[in-house]
Amino acid sequence: MRHTHISHALAAGAPLETVKQNAGHASLDTTTRYVTTEDARRMAAMKRFFEGDNA
């Protein structure tokens, strides 16, 4: 049930950080495993942008 909740929450657009905290994950990497491929690509692009690697 826990994994289903995480997957459904992320698919519904819940913020990754909120889902991470609710799941009790120590790392965003753990929570990100539940993100679909398309969403994962989008998150990776945004992460690169905010880290300054947007060349």
C-alpha atoms as a PDB file:
ATOM      1  CA  MET A   1       0.000   0.000   0.000  1.00  0.00           C
ATOM      2  CA  ARG A   2       2.808   2.399   0.813  1.00  0.00           C
ATOM      3  CA  HIS A   3       4.393   2.070  -2.637  1.00  0.00           C
ATOM      4  CA  THR A   4       1.002   2.535  -4.294  1.00  0.00           C
ATOM      5  CA  HIS A   5       0.391   5.690  -2.286  1.00  0.00           C
ATOM      6  CA  ILE A   6       3.759   7.122  -3.290  1.00  0.00           C
ATOM      7  CA  SER A   7       3.212   6.342  -6.966  1.00  0.00           C
ATOM      8  CA  HIS A   8      -0.320   7.732  -7.015  1.00  0.00           C
ATOM      9  CA  ALA A   9       0.618  10.867  -5.077  1.00  0.00           C
ATOM     10  CA  LEU A  10       3.435  11.657  -7.502  1.00  0.00           C
ATOM     11  CA  ALA A  11       1.268  10.908 -10.541  1.00  0.00           C
ATOM     12  CA  ALA A  12      -1.370  13.284  -9.174  1.00  0.00           C
ATOM     13  CA  GLY A  13       1.204  16.064  -8.985  1.00  0.00           C
ATOM     14  CA  ALA A  14       2.090  16.076  -5.288  1.00  0.00           C
ATOM     15  CA  PRO A  15       5.423  17.813  -4.712  1.00  0.00           C
ATOM     16  CA  LEU A  16       8.315  15.361  -4.650  1.00  0.00           C
ATOM     17  CA  GLU A  17       9.693  16.818  -1.413  1.00  0.00           C
ATOM     18  CA  THR A  18       6.326  16.396   0.330  1.00  0.00           C
ATOM     19  CA  VAL A  19       5.984  12.788  -0.811  1.00  0.00           C
ATOM     20  CA  LYS A  20       9.585  12.141   0.290  1.00  0.00           C
ATOM     21  CA  GLN A  21       8.829  13.428   3.756  1.00  0.00           C
ATOM     22  CA  ASN A  22       5.525  11.562   4.032  1.00  0.00           C
ATOM     23  CA  ALA A  23       7.217   8.324   2.979  1.00  0.00           C
ATOM     24  CA  GLY A  24      10.049   8.837   5.449  1.00  0.00           C
ATOM     25  CA  HIS A  25      12.724   8.570   2.785  1.00  0.00           C
ATOM     26  CA  ALA A  26      16.126   9.965   3.704  1.00  0.00           C
ATOM     27  CA  SER A  27      16.964  10.799   0.096  1.00  0.00           C
ATOM     28  CA  LEU A  28      15.060  12.256  -2.843  1.00  0.00           C
ATOM     29  CA  ASP A  29      16.742   9.579  -4.962  1.00  0.00           C
ATOM     30  CA  THR A  30      14.659   6.939  -3.190  1.00  0.00           C
ATOM     31  CA  THR A  31      11.395   8.786  -3.833  1.00  0.00           C
ATOM     32  CA  THR A  32      12.334   9.597  -7.414  1.00  0.00           C
ATOM     33  CA  ARG A  33      12.310   5.861  -8.231  1.00  0.00           C
ATOM     34  CA  TYR A  34       8.523   6.085  -8.166  1.00  0.00           C
ATOM     35  CA  VAL A  35       8.351   8.817 -10.792  1.00  0.00           C
ATOM     36  CA  THR A  36       7.343   7.836 -14.326  1.00  0.00           C
ATOM     37  CA  THR A  37       9.958   8.099 -17.072  1.00  0.00           C
ATOM     38  CA  GLU A  38       8.487  11.284 -18.558  1.00  0.00           C
ATOM     39  CA  ASP A  39       8.260  12.959 -15.167  1.00  0.00           C
ATOM     40  CA  ALA A  40      11.756  11.782 -14.274  1.00  0.00           C
ATOM     41  CA  ARG A  41      13.166  13.424 -17.411  1.00  0.00           C
ATOM     42  CA  ARG A  42      11.369  16.656 -16.584  1.00  0.00           C
ATOM     43  CA  MET A  43      12.638  16.601 -12.983  1.00  0.00           C
ATOM     44  CA  ALA A  44      16.191  15.904 -14.132  1.00  0.00           C
ATOM     45  CA  ALA A  45      16.042  18.847 -16.529  1.00  0.00           C
ATOM     46  CA  MET A  46      14.771  21.149 -13.794  1.00  0.00           C
ATOM     47  CA  LYS A  47      17.410  19.894 -11.376  1.00  0.00           C
ATOM     48  CA  ARG A  48      20.142  20.679 -13.925  1.00  0.00           C
ATOM     49  CA  PHE A  49      18.618  24.112 -14.489  1.00  0.00           C
ATOM     50  CA  PHE A  50      18.519  25.021 -10.815  1.00  0.00           C
ATOM     51  CA  GLU A  51      22.020  23.682 -10.245  1.00  0.00           C
ATOM     52  CA  GLY A  52      23.295  25.991 -12.968  1.00  0.00           C
ATOM     53  CA  ASP A  53      24.044  23.278 -15.531  1.00  0.00           C
ATOM     54  CA  ASN A  54      21.559  24.528 -18.149  1.00  0.00           C
ATOM     55  CA  ALA A  55      23.913  24.892 -21.087  1.00  0.00           C
END
